[in-house]
Amino acid sequence: MASGSQTSKRKLNYIASICNKGGFVERQVHFYLFNASYMFSFFNPFSKSCSTFGFQLNDGGRLEAGFSGGAGDCVVRSIAIATKLPYLRVYEDLRQANEQYAQNRNDRLAKRLSATGATPRNGNHRNVFHDYILAQGFMWVPTMKIGGGCRVHLRPDELPKGILIVRVSKHLTAVIDGVIQDTHDPSRSGNRCVYGYYIKN
C-alpha cells in the first residue's frame, strides 16, 4: 500500500505534467503544491515554525486608576503602556477628543458619539485616536492595502524592534522591545495579520 506522501507525490507529478492545458489545471497545481508542502513540513522534525513574541500581562494602569469590570479599552491601554502616561490621563484625553469630534463634525461617527457618549471605555475610533498617538511622538506605518492580502503578521521576524502600538483586527496592542504587553495574547501564535503599526520616533 502506498504511503500518504507517495500518493501526494504521484498526484503532484500528474497534475504538473498537464499544467499547460489551462488556468484551471494551474490552480490545481498550486492547490496540491500547498497541501504537499504542508504535509511534508508537518512530518519533518527539522521544519521551522514561526517565531512568536513574548507576553507580559499588563492592564496599562487601569486597575490602579480605580476602574473595575470588563471594558473595550484596548486603545487607552496600549497608548498608556507605550507612552508610559498614566491610564487616567490617556482616558481623559481621549474622552475630550471624542467630545470635540462630536461637536465639530457632522458625520456618522460624530452622531454616534453624540448619541452614545464620549467615554473611551467601550472602544475608540481611528478618526479620533490616530492623531492623538501621532502627537505622542509616534509614526504610522501601514502594512496592508485594500485587496492586497496579509503581508505582515504579529511576530518578531516581521516587525521592527522598539516601542510599537500594533493595529490588528478590532484591536490595538503594545509591543515593547519584543514583548506583547496586554491583558491577553492577541498574536494567535504569530499568525495574526497586522494592518499597520505606530512606532516611537
N, C-alpha and C. Protein backbone atom coordinates (compact mmCIF):
# COMPACT_ATOMS: atom_id res chain seq x y z
N MET A 1 0.85 -1.20 0.00
CA MET A 1 0.00 0.00 0.00
C MET A 1 0.88 1.25 0.00
N ALA A 2 0.57 2.21 -0.87
CA ALA A 2 1.39 3.42 -0.94
C ALA A 2 1.13 4.29 0.26
N SER A 3 2.19 4.95 0.72
CA SER A 3 2.05 5.86 1.85
C SER A 3 1.38 7.14 1.39
N GLY A 4 0.96 7.97 2.39
CA GLY A 4 0.32 9.24 2.05
C GLY A 4 1.25 10.14 1.27
N SER A 5 2.54 10.17 1.63
CA SER A 5 3.48 11.05 0.94
C SER A 5 3.70 10.61 -0.50
N GLN A 6 3.74 9.27 -0.74
CA GLN A 6 3.92 8.77 -2.10
C GLN A 6 2.72 9.10 -2.97
N THR A 7 1.51 8.96 -2.39
CA THR A 7 0.29 9.30 -3.12
C THR A 7 0.28 10.76 -3.51
N SER A 8 0.68 11.62 -2.57
CA SER A 8 0.70 13.06 -2.84
C SER A 8 1.71 13.39 -3.93
N LYS A 9 2.88 12.70 -3.92
CA LYS A 9 3.89 12.95 -4.94
C LYS A 9 3.37 12.57 -6.33
N ARG A 10 2.64 11.42 -6.41
CA ARG A 10 2.10 10.99 -7.70
C ARG A 10 1.08 12.00 -8.22
N LYS A 11 0.22 12.47 -7.32
CA LYS A 11 -0.77 13.48 -7.72
C LYS A 11 -0.07 14.75 -8.20
N LEU A 12 0.96 15.14 -7.48
CA LEU A 12 1.69 16.36 -7.81
C LEU A 12 2.33 16.24 -9.18
N ASN A 13 2.99 15.09 -9.46
CA ASN A 13 3.65 14.88 -10.74
C ASN A 13 2.63 14.84 -11.88
N TYR A 14 1.48 14.18 -11.63
CA TYR A 14 0.46 14.07 -12.67
C TYR A 14 -0.12 15.43 -13.03
N ILE A 15 -0.49 16.17 -12.01
CA ILE A 15 -1.08 17.48 -12.28
C ILE A 15 -0.07 18.40 -12.95
N ALA A 16 1.19 18.38 -12.50
CA ALA A 16 2.20 19.26 -13.08
C ALA A 16 2.46 18.92 -14.54
N SER A 17 2.32 17.65 -14.91
CA SER A 17 2.62 17.23 -16.29
C SER A 17 1.61 17.77 -17.29
N ILE A 18 0.44 18.18 -16.84
CA ILE A 18 -0.57 18.68 -17.77
C ILE A 18 -0.91 20.14 -17.47
N CYS A 19 0.03 20.85 -16.83
CA CYS A 19 -0.29 22.22 -16.41
C CYS A 19 -0.39 23.18 -17.57
N ASN A 20 -0.03 22.75 -18.78
CA ASN A 20 -0.12 23.64 -19.93
C ASN A 20 -1.49 23.60 -20.60
N LYS A 21 -2.45 22.94 -19.96
CA LYS A 21 -3.77 22.80 -20.59
C LYS A 21 -4.79 23.83 -20.13
N GLY A 22 -4.36 24.78 -19.28
CA GLY A 22 -5.32 25.83 -18.92
C GLY A 22 -5.17 26.30 -17.50
N GLY A 23 -5.82 27.45 -17.22
CA GLY A 23 -5.71 28.07 -15.91
C GLY A 23 -6.28 27.21 -14.80
N PHE A 24 -7.33 26.42 -15.11
CA PHE A 24 -7.92 25.58 -14.07
C PHE A 24 -6.90 24.58 -13.55
N VAL A 25 -6.18 23.96 -14.46
CA VAL A 25 -5.18 22.98 -14.06
C VAL A 25 -4.07 23.65 -13.28
N GLU A 26 -3.69 24.86 -13.66
CA GLU A 26 -2.65 25.58 -12.94
C GLU A 26 -3.08 25.85 -11.50
N ARG A 27 -4.35 26.15 -11.31
CA ARG A 27 -4.84 26.35 -9.95
C ARG A 27 -4.76 25.06 -9.16
N GLN A 28 -5.03 23.93 -9.84
CA GLN A 28 -4.91 22.64 -9.18
C GLN A 28 -3.48 22.36 -8.76
N VAL A 29 -2.52 22.76 -9.60
CA VAL A 29 -1.11 22.59 -9.25
C VAL A 29 -0.79 23.33 -7.97
N HIS A 30 -1.22 24.59 -7.89
CA HIS A 30 -0.97 25.37 -6.68
C HIS A 30 -1.61 24.72 -5.47
N PHE A 31 -2.81 24.16 -5.66
CA PHE A 31 -3.50 23.51 -4.54
C PHE A 31 -2.70 22.33 -4.02
N TYR A 32 -2.25 21.46 -4.93
CA TYR A 32 -1.51 20.29 -4.50
C TYR A 32 -0.13 20.66 -3.95
N LEU A 33 0.50 21.68 -4.54
CA LEU A 33 1.79 22.13 -4.01
C LEU A 33 1.65 22.57 -2.57
N PHE A 34 0.61 23.35 -2.30
CA PHE A 34 0.40 23.84 -0.94
C PHE A 34 0.19 22.69 0.03
N ASN A 35 -0.70 21.76 -0.35
CA ASN A 35 -1.01 20.66 0.56
C ASN A 35 0.17 19.72 0.75
N ALA A 36 0.92 19.48 -0.33
CA ALA A 36 2.08 18.59 -0.21
C ALA A 36 3.15 19.22 0.67
N SER A 37 3.42 20.53 0.46
CA SER A 37 4.45 21.19 1.27
C SER A 37 4.03 21.25 2.73
N TYR A 38 2.73 21.45 2.98
CA TYR A 38 2.26 21.47 4.37
C TYR A 38 2.45 20.11 5.02
N MET A 39 2.10 19.03 4.27
CA MET A 39 2.20 17.69 4.83
C MET A 39 3.66 17.33 5.10
N PHE A 40 4.55 17.66 4.15
CA PHE A 40 5.96 17.32 4.32
C PHE A 40 6.56 18.07 5.50
N SER A 41 6.19 19.36 5.67
CA SER A 41 6.73 20.13 6.78
C SER A 41 6.18 19.62 8.10
N PHE A 42 4.95 19.09 8.07
CA PHE A 42 4.36 18.58 9.31
C PHE A 42 5.13 17.36 9.82
N PHE A 43 5.54 16.49 8.87
CA PHE A 43 6.26 15.29 9.28
C PHE A 43 7.76 15.50 9.38
N ASN A 44 8.23 16.67 8.99
CA ASN A 44 9.67 16.94 9.04
C ASN A 44 10.06 17.48 10.41
N PRO A 45 10.86 16.75 11.18
CA PRO A 45 11.23 17.22 12.52
C PRO A 45 12.11 18.45 12.49
N PHE A 46 12.68 18.76 11.31
CA PHE A 46 13.57 19.91 11.21
C PHE A 46 12.87 21.14 10.64
N SER A 47 11.57 21.02 10.38
CA SER A 47 10.83 22.17 9.86
C SER A 47 10.76 23.27 10.90
N LYS A 48 10.78 24.52 10.44
CA LYS A 48 10.85 25.67 11.33
C LYS A 48 9.48 26.31 11.50
N SER A 49 9.01 26.42 12.72
CA SER A 49 7.74 27.09 12.98
C SER A 49 7.98 28.59 13.09
N CYS A 50 6.90 29.38 12.98
CA CYS A 50 7.06 30.82 13.03
C CYS A 50 7.42 31.27 14.45
N SER A 51 8.18 32.35 14.52
CA SER A 51 8.58 32.89 15.81
C SER A 51 7.41 33.63 16.45
N THR A 52 7.43 33.76 17.75
CA THR A 52 6.36 34.44 18.46
C THR A 52 6.95 35.42 19.46
N PHE A 53 6.19 36.47 19.75
CA PHE A 53 6.59 37.44 20.77
C PHE A 53 6.42 36.84 22.16
N GLY A 54 7.22 37.34 23.09
CA GLY A 54 6.96 37.06 24.49
C GLY A 54 5.70 37.80 24.91
N PHE A 55 5.15 37.44 26.05
CA PHE A 55 3.92 38.08 26.52
C PHE A 55 4.03 38.43 27.99
N GLN A 56 3.57 39.64 28.32
CA GLN A 56 3.52 40.10 29.70
C GLN A 56 2.14 40.69 29.98
N LEU A 57 1.49 40.20 31.01
CA LEU A 57 0.17 40.73 31.39
C LEU A 57 0.32 42.16 31.88
N ASN A 58 -0.45 43.07 31.27
CA ASN A 58 -0.34 44.49 31.62
C ASN A 58 -1.66 45.17 31.28
N ASP A 59 -2.30 45.77 32.28
CA ASP A 59 -3.57 46.48 32.03
C ASP A 59 -3.37 47.96 31.81
N GLY A 60 -2.11 48.40 31.72
CA GLY A 60 -1.83 49.80 31.45
C GLY A 60 -2.08 50.73 32.61
N GLY A 61 -2.36 50.19 33.78
CA GLY A 61 -2.65 51.02 34.95
C GLY A 61 -4.12 51.22 35.20
N ARG A 62 -4.96 50.45 34.53
CA ARG A 62 -6.42 50.63 34.66
C ARG A 62 -6.91 50.34 36.07
N LEU A 63 -6.50 49.22 36.64
CA LEU A 63 -6.94 48.87 37.98
C LEU A 63 -6.44 49.88 39.00
N GLU A 64 -5.21 50.30 38.85
CA GLU A 64 -4.64 51.29 39.77
C GLU A 64 -5.36 52.62 39.69
N ALA A 65 -5.90 52.93 38.50
CA ALA A 65 -6.64 54.19 38.32
C ALA A 65 -8.04 54.14 38.91
N GLY A 66 -8.45 52.97 39.41
CA GLY A 66 -9.74 52.85 40.07
C GLY A 66 -10.85 52.27 39.22
N PHE A 67 -10.51 51.79 38.02
CA PHE A 67 -11.52 51.19 37.15
C PHE A 67 -11.64 49.70 37.46
N SER A 68 -12.83 49.17 37.29
CA SER A 68 -13.06 47.74 37.52
C SER A 68 -14.03 47.21 36.48
N GLY A 69 -14.12 45.89 36.39
CA GLY A 69 -15.02 45.28 35.43
C GLY A 69 -14.42 45.25 34.04
N GLY A 70 -15.13 44.61 33.13
CA GLY A 70 -14.66 44.49 31.76
C GLY A 70 -14.86 45.78 30.98
N ALA A 71 -14.04 45.96 29.96
CA ALA A 71 -14.15 47.15 29.12
C ALA A 71 -13.41 46.92 27.81
N GLY A 72 -13.89 47.57 26.76
CA GLY A 72 -13.19 47.51 25.48
C GLY A 72 -12.23 48.67 25.37
N ASP A 73 -11.23 48.66 26.25
CA ASP A 73 -10.34 49.81 26.39
C ASP A 73 -8.96 49.59 25.80
N CYS A 74 -8.84 48.76 24.77
CA CYS A 74 -7.51 48.43 24.26
C CYS A 74 -6.76 49.66 23.75
N VAL A 75 -7.47 50.66 23.24
CA VAL A 75 -6.81 51.86 22.74
C VAL A 75 -6.17 52.63 23.89
N VAL A 76 -6.95 52.87 24.94
CA VAL A 76 -6.41 53.56 26.11
C VAL A 76 -5.25 52.78 26.70
N ARG A 77 -5.44 51.49 26.86
CA ARG A 77 -4.42 50.63 27.48
C ARG A 77 -3.12 50.61 26.69
N SER A 78 -3.21 50.39 25.40
CA SER A 78 -1.99 50.28 24.60
C SER A 78 -1.24 51.61 24.54
N ILE A 79 -1.97 52.72 24.47
CA ILE A 79 -1.31 54.03 24.46
C ILE A 79 -0.64 54.30 25.80
N ALA A 80 -1.33 54.00 26.89
CA ALA A 80 -0.75 54.21 28.22
C ALA A 80 0.52 53.39 28.40
N ILE A 81 0.52 52.16 27.92
CA ILE A 81 1.69 51.30 28.05
C ILE A 81 2.84 51.82 27.20
N ALA A 82 2.57 52.15 25.95
CA ALA A 82 3.63 52.55 25.03
C ALA A 82 4.21 53.92 25.34
N THR A 83 3.39 54.82 25.86
CA THR A 83 3.86 56.18 26.16
C THR A 83 4.30 56.35 27.61
N LYS A 84 3.95 55.38 28.46
CA LYS A 84 4.21 55.45 29.90
C LYS A 84 3.45 56.60 30.56
N LEU A 85 2.36 57.01 29.93
CA LEU A 85 1.50 58.03 30.52
C LEU A 85 0.51 57.35 31.46
N PRO A 86 0.04 58.07 32.49
CA PRO A 86 -0.97 57.49 33.39
C PRO A 86 -2.24 57.11 32.62
N TYR A 87 -2.81 55.99 32.99
CA TYR A 87 -4.01 55.49 32.33
C TYR A 87 -5.11 56.54 32.34
N LEU A 88 -5.33 57.17 33.49
CA LEU A 88 -6.41 58.14 33.63
C LEU A 88 -6.21 59.35 32.73
N ARG A 89 -4.96 59.75 32.55
CA ARG A 89 -4.69 60.90 31.66
C ARG A 89 -5.05 60.55 30.22
N VAL A 90 -4.63 59.38 29.75
CA VAL A 90 -4.96 58.97 28.38
C VAL A 90 -6.47 58.84 28.22
N TYR A 91 -7.11 58.28 29.23
CA TYR A 91 -8.56 58.11 29.22
C TYR A 91 -9.25 59.46 29.06
N GLU A 92 -8.84 60.44 29.85
CA GLU A 92 -9.47 61.76 29.81
C GLU A 92 -9.14 62.48 28.50
N ASP A 93 -7.91 62.33 28.03
CA ASP A 93 -7.53 62.97 26.76
C ASP A 93 -8.41 62.45 25.62
N LEU A 94 -8.63 61.15 25.58
CA LEU A 94 -9.44 60.58 24.51
C LEU A 94 -10.92 60.90 24.68
N ARG A 95 -11.37 61.00 25.92
CA ARG A 95 -12.76 61.41 26.15
C ARG A 95 -12.99 62.82 25.62
N GLN A 96 -12.06 63.71 25.90
CA GLN A 96 -12.18 65.08 25.41
C GLN A 96 -12.07 65.13 23.88
N ALA A 97 -11.20 64.30 23.32
CA ALA A 97 -11.06 64.25 21.86
C ALA A 97 -12.35 63.75 21.22
N ASN A 98 -13.01 62.79 21.86
CA ASN A 98 -14.30 62.30 21.36
C ASN A 98 -15.35 63.40 21.41
N GLU A 99 -15.38 64.14 22.51
CA GLU A 99 -16.34 65.24 22.65
C GLU A 99 -16.14 66.30 21.57
N GLN A 100 -14.88 66.66 21.34
CA GLN A 100 -14.59 67.67 20.33
C GLN A 100 -14.97 67.19 18.94
N TYR A 101 -14.72 65.92 18.68
CA TYR A 101 -15.09 65.37 17.37
C TYR A 101 -16.60 65.43 17.18
N ALA A 102 -17.34 65.06 18.21
CA ALA A 102 -18.81 65.07 18.12
C ALA A 102 -19.35 66.48 17.92
N GLN A 103 -18.70 67.47 18.52
CA GLN A 103 -19.16 68.85 18.43
C GLN A 103 -18.80 69.51 17.10
N ASN A 104 -17.64 69.13 16.55
CA ASN A 104 -17.12 69.84 15.39
C ASN A 104 -17.39 69.15 14.05
N ARG A 105 -17.86 67.92 14.09
CA ARG A 105 -18.10 67.19 12.84
C ARG A 105 -19.59 66.89 12.68
N ASN A 106 -19.95 66.51 11.46
CA ASN A 106 -21.34 66.19 11.18
C ASN A 106 -21.46 64.85 10.44
N ASP A 107 -20.51 63.95 10.68
CA ASP A 107 -20.54 62.66 10.02
C ASP A 107 -21.19 61.60 10.91
N ARG A 108 -21.18 60.37 10.44
CA ARG A 108 -21.84 59.28 11.18
C ARG A 108 -21.20 59.04 12.54
N LEU A 109 -19.86 59.11 12.59
CA LEU A 109 -19.17 58.89 13.86
C LEU A 109 -19.54 59.97 14.87
N ALA A 110 -19.61 61.22 14.42
CA ALA A 110 -19.97 62.31 15.32
C ALA A 110 -21.37 62.11 15.89
N LYS A 111 -22.29 61.68 15.05
CA LYS A 111 -23.65 61.43 15.52
C LYS A 111 -23.70 60.28 16.52
N ARG A 112 -22.90 59.26 16.26
CA ARG A 112 -22.87 58.12 17.19
C ARG A 112 -22.28 58.51 18.53
N LEU A 113 -21.21 59.31 18.51
CA LEU A 113 -20.61 59.77 19.75
C LEU A 113 -21.58 60.65 20.54
N SER A 114 -22.33 61.48 19.83
CA SER A 114 -23.31 62.33 20.50
C SER A 114 -24.42 61.50 21.13
N ALA A 115 -24.77 60.40 20.48
CA ALA A 115 -25.87 59.57 20.98
C ALA A 115 -25.44 58.64 22.11
N THR A 116 -24.23 58.10 22.02
CA THR A 116 -23.79 57.09 23.00
C THR A 116 -22.88 57.64 24.08
N GLY A 117 -22.37 58.85 23.88
CA GLY A 117 -21.45 59.42 24.86
C GLY A 117 -20.01 59.33 24.40
N ALA A 118 -19.17 60.15 25.01
CA ALA A 118 -17.79 60.28 24.56
C ALA A 118 -16.82 59.37 25.30
N THR A 119 -17.32 58.54 26.22
CA THR A 119 -16.42 57.70 27.00
C THR A 119 -15.60 56.77 26.12
N PRO A 120 -14.30 56.66 26.36
CA PRO A 120 -13.46 55.72 25.61
C PRO A 120 -13.46 54.32 26.20
N ARG A 121 -14.34 54.07 27.15
CA ARG A 121 -14.37 52.78 27.84
C ARG A 121 -14.71 51.62 26.91
N ASN A 122 -15.60 51.88 25.97
CA ASN A 122 -16.09 50.79 25.12
C ASN A 122 -15.65 50.93 23.67
N GLY A 123 -14.40 51.29 23.49
CA GLY A 123 -13.85 51.37 22.14
C GLY A 123 -13.64 52.80 21.68
N ASN A 124 -12.70 52.97 20.77
CA ASN A 124 -12.37 54.27 20.22
C ASN A 124 -12.17 54.15 18.72
N HIS A 125 -12.56 55.18 18.00
CA HIS A 125 -12.45 55.15 16.54
C HIS A 125 -11.11 55.71 16.09
N ARG A 126 -10.60 55.15 15.00
CA ARG A 126 -9.31 55.58 14.47
C ARG A 126 -9.31 57.07 14.11
N ASN A 127 -10.45 57.59 13.67
CA ASN A 127 -10.52 59.01 13.34
C ASN A 127 -10.16 59.89 14.52
N VAL A 128 -10.32 59.37 15.72
CA VAL A 128 -10.01 60.14 16.93
C VAL A 128 -8.62 59.79 17.47
N PHE A 129 -8.33 58.50 17.64
CA PHE A 129 -7.08 58.14 18.32
C PHE A 129 -5.84 58.26 17.44
N HIS A 130 -6.00 58.26 16.12
CA HIS A 130 -4.82 58.30 15.23
C HIS A 130 -3.98 59.55 15.48
N ASP A 131 -4.62 60.72 15.42
CA ASP A 131 -3.89 61.97 15.62
C ASP A 131 -3.33 62.07 17.03
N TYR A 132 -4.05 61.52 18.00
CA TYR A 132 -3.57 61.56 19.38
C TYR A 132 -2.27 60.77 19.53
N ILE A 133 -2.21 59.59 18.92
CA ILE A 133 -0.99 58.78 19.00
C ILE A 133 0.16 59.48 18.29
N LEU A 134 -0.10 60.06 17.13
CA LEU A 134 0.95 60.78 16.41
C LEU A 134 1.50 61.93 17.25
N ALA A 135 0.62 62.59 18.00
CA ALA A 135 1.04 63.71 18.84
C ALA A 135 1.94 63.27 19.99
N GLN A 136 1.95 61.98 20.29
CA GLN A 136 2.81 61.46 21.36
C GLN A 136 4.19 61.07 20.84
N GLY A 137 4.49 61.41 19.59
CA GLY A 137 5.81 61.14 19.05
C GLY A 137 5.94 59.83 18.30
N PHE A 138 4.82 59.31 17.79
CA PHE A 138 4.84 58.06 17.04
C PHE A 138 4.65 58.33 15.55
N MET A 139 5.08 57.39 14.74
CA MET A 139 4.89 57.45 13.29
C MET A 139 4.07 56.24 12.86
N TRP A 140 3.10 56.45 11.97
CA TRP A 140 2.25 55.37 11.48
C TRP A 140 2.88 54.69 10.27
N VAL A 141 2.94 53.37 10.30
CA VAL A 141 3.49 52.59 9.19
C VAL A 141 2.42 51.58 8.76
N PRO A 142 1.75 51.79 7.62
CA PRO A 142 0.75 50.82 7.15
C PRO A 142 1.44 49.59 6.58
N THR A 143 0.84 48.43 6.79
CA THR A 143 1.42 47.19 6.28
C THR A 143 0.45 46.39 5.42
N MET A 144 -0.74 46.91 5.23
CA MET A 144 -1.75 46.16 4.47
C MET A 144 -2.59 47.13 3.64
N LYS A 145 -2.74 46.83 2.36
CA LYS A 145 -3.56 47.63 1.47
C LYS A 145 -4.86 46.88 1.16
N ILE A 146 -5.88 47.64 0.81
CA ILE A 146 -7.16 47.03 0.47
C ILE A 146 -6.98 46.11 -0.73
N GLY A 147 -7.36 44.85 -0.57
CA GLY A 147 -7.22 43.88 -1.65
C GLY A 147 -5.83 43.32 -1.81
N GLY A 148 -4.90 43.75 -0.95
CA GLY A 148 -3.51 43.32 -1.10
C GLY A 148 -3.16 42.06 -0.34
N GLY A 149 -4.06 41.60 0.53
CA GLY A 149 -3.76 40.41 1.32
C GLY A 149 -2.86 40.71 2.50
N CYS A 150 -2.69 39.72 3.34
CA CYS A 150 -1.90 39.88 4.56
C CYS A 150 -0.42 39.68 4.25
N ARG A 151 0.40 40.68 4.57
CA ARG A 151 1.83 40.61 4.31
C ARG A 151 2.67 40.57 5.59
N VAL A 152 2.12 41.11 6.67
CA VAL A 152 2.86 41.18 7.93
C VAL A 152 2.01 40.57 9.04
N HIS A 153 2.64 39.75 9.87
CA HIS A 153 1.94 39.10 10.98
C HIS A 153 2.51 39.58 12.31
N LEU A 154 1.77 39.31 13.37
CA LEU A 154 2.17 39.76 14.70
C LEU A 154 3.22 38.81 15.27
N ARG A 155 4.44 38.93 14.75
CA ARG A 155 5.55 38.12 15.22
C ARG A 155 6.86 38.88 15.01
N PRO A 156 7.89 38.55 15.78
CA PRO A 156 9.10 39.38 15.82
C PRO A 156 9.92 39.41 14.55
N ASP A 157 9.83 38.39 13.71
CA ASP A 157 10.63 38.40 12.49
C ASP A 157 9.98 39.22 11.37
N GLU A 158 8.80 39.79 11.63
CA GLU A 158 8.13 40.60 10.61
C GLU A 158 7.84 42.02 11.08
N LEU A 159 8.22 42.35 12.30
CA LEU A 159 8.01 43.70 12.83
C LEU A 159 9.33 44.23 13.39
N PRO A 160 9.53 45.55 13.36
CA PRO A 160 10.79 46.11 13.86
C PRO A 160 10.86 46.09 15.38
N LYS A 161 12.05 46.23 15.89
CA LYS A 161 12.24 46.34 17.33
C LYS A 161 11.90 47.75 17.78
N GLY A 162 11.69 47.91 19.08
CA GLY A 162 11.39 49.22 19.62
C GLY A 162 10.07 49.25 20.34
N ILE A 163 9.48 50.44 20.40
CA ILE A 163 8.20 50.65 21.07
C ILE A 163 7.11 50.78 20.01
N LEU A 164 6.20 49.82 19.99
CA LEU A 164 5.18 49.77 18.96
C LEU A 164 3.78 49.73 19.56
N ILE A 165 2.84 50.35 18.84
CA ILE A 165 1.42 50.13 19.06
C ILE A 165 0.91 49.51 17.77
N VAL A 166 0.54 48.25 17.84
CA VAL A 166 0.23 47.48 16.63
C VAL A 166 -1.28 47.37 16.45
N ARG A 167 -1.72 47.63 15.23
CA ARG A 167 -3.15 47.54 14.91
C ARG A 167 -3.44 46.23 14.19
N VAL A 168 -4.30 45.42 14.79
CA VAL A 168 -4.80 44.19 14.17
C VAL A 168 -6.32 44.34 14.08
N SER A 169 -7.02 43.31 13.66
CA SER A 169 -8.46 43.43 13.50
C SER A 169 -9.15 43.72 14.83
N LYS A 170 -9.81 44.87 14.90
CA LYS A 170 -10.61 45.30 16.05
C LYS A 170 -9.81 45.34 17.35
N HIS A 171 -8.52 45.66 17.25
CA HIS A 171 -7.70 45.66 18.47
C HIS A 171 -6.41 46.43 18.25
N LEU A 172 -5.95 47.11 19.31
CA LEU A 172 -4.61 47.68 19.37
C LEU A 172 -3.87 46.98 20.50
N THR A 173 -2.58 46.70 20.30
CA THR A 173 -1.78 46.08 21.34
C THR A 173 -0.40 46.72 21.37
N ALA A 174 0.17 46.82 22.55
CA ALA A 174 1.51 47.40 22.70
C ALA A 174 2.55 46.29 22.64
N VAL A 175 3.61 46.54 21.88
CA VAL A 175 4.75 45.63 21.82
C VAL A 175 5.99 46.42 22.20
N ILE A 176 6.56 46.09 23.34
CA ILE A 176 7.69 46.84 23.88
C ILE A 176 8.93 45.95 23.87
N ASP A 177 9.90 46.33 23.03
CA ASP A 177 11.17 45.59 22.95
C ASP A 177 10.96 44.08 22.81
N GLY A 178 10.07 43.70 21.91
CA GLY A 178 9.87 42.30 21.60
C GLY A 178 8.93 41.55 22.52
N VAL A 179 8.20 42.27 23.37
CA VAL A 179 7.27 41.62 24.30
C VAL A 179 5.89 42.27 24.15
N ILE A 180 4.87 41.47 23.89
CA ILE A 180 3.50 41.97 23.87
C ILE A 180 3.07 42.26 25.30
N GLN A 181 2.59 43.48 25.53
CA GLN A 181 2.08 43.85 26.85
C GLN A 181 0.60 44.19 26.69
N ASP A 182 -0.24 43.33 27.27
CA ASP A 182 -1.68 43.43 27.05
C ASP A 182 -2.37 42.60 28.13
N THR A 183 -3.70 42.60 28.11
CA THR A 183 -4.44 41.76 29.07
C THR A 183 -4.64 40.34 28.54
N HIS A 184 -4.26 40.11 27.29
CA HIS A 184 -4.28 38.77 26.71
C HIS A 184 -3.30 38.76 25.54
N ASP A 185 -2.92 37.60 25.08
CA ASP A 185 -2.02 37.48 23.94
C ASP A 185 -2.84 37.46 22.65
N PRO A 186 -2.80 38.54 21.85
CA PRO A 186 -3.62 38.59 20.64
C PRO A 186 -2.92 38.07 19.39
N SER A 187 -1.75 37.46 19.52
CA SER A 187 -0.93 37.13 18.35
C SER A 187 -1.42 35.92 17.56
N ARG A 188 -2.26 35.07 18.19
CA ARG A 188 -2.71 33.83 17.54
C ARG A 188 -1.51 33.00 17.08
N SER A 189 -0.59 32.83 18.01
CA SER A 189 0.64 32.04 17.77
C SER A 189 1.46 32.58 16.61
N GLY A 190 1.44 33.90 16.44
CA GLY A 190 2.22 34.53 15.38
C GLY A 190 1.54 34.59 14.04
N ASN A 191 0.25 34.22 13.98
CA ASN A 191 -0.47 34.18 12.70
C ASN A 191 -1.46 35.34 12.53
N ARG A 192 -1.55 36.24 13.50
CA ARG A 192 -2.49 37.37 13.42
C ARG A 192 -1.99 38.39 12.41
N CYS A 193 -2.84 38.77 11.49
CA CYS A 193 -2.47 39.73 10.46
C CYS A 193 -2.38 41.15 11.05
N VAL A 194 -1.35 41.88 10.66
CA VAL A 194 -1.14 43.24 11.13
C VAL A 194 -1.55 44.22 10.04
N TYR A 195 -2.43 45.17 10.38
CA TYR A 195 -2.86 46.20 9.43
C TYR A 195 -1.84 47.33 9.34
N GLY A 196 -1.13 47.55 10.42
CA GLY A 196 -0.14 48.62 10.48
C GLY A 196 0.31 48.79 11.91
N TYR A 197 1.28 49.68 12.12
CA TYR A 197 1.76 49.90 13.48
C TYR A 197 2.26 51.33 13.65
N TYR A 198 2.18 51.80 14.87
CA TYR A 198 2.77 53.07 15.26
C TYR A 198 4.10 52.76 15.93
N ILE A 199 5.16 53.45 15.53
CA ILE A 199 6.47 53.22 16.12
C ILE A 199 6.99 54.53 16.69
N LYS A 200 7.58 54.45 17.86
CA LYS A 200 8.10 55.64 18.54
C LYS A 200 9.28 56.20 17.78
N ASN A 201 9.23 57.49 17.47
CA ASN A 201 10.33 58.14 16.74
C ASN A 201 11.57 58.27 17.62
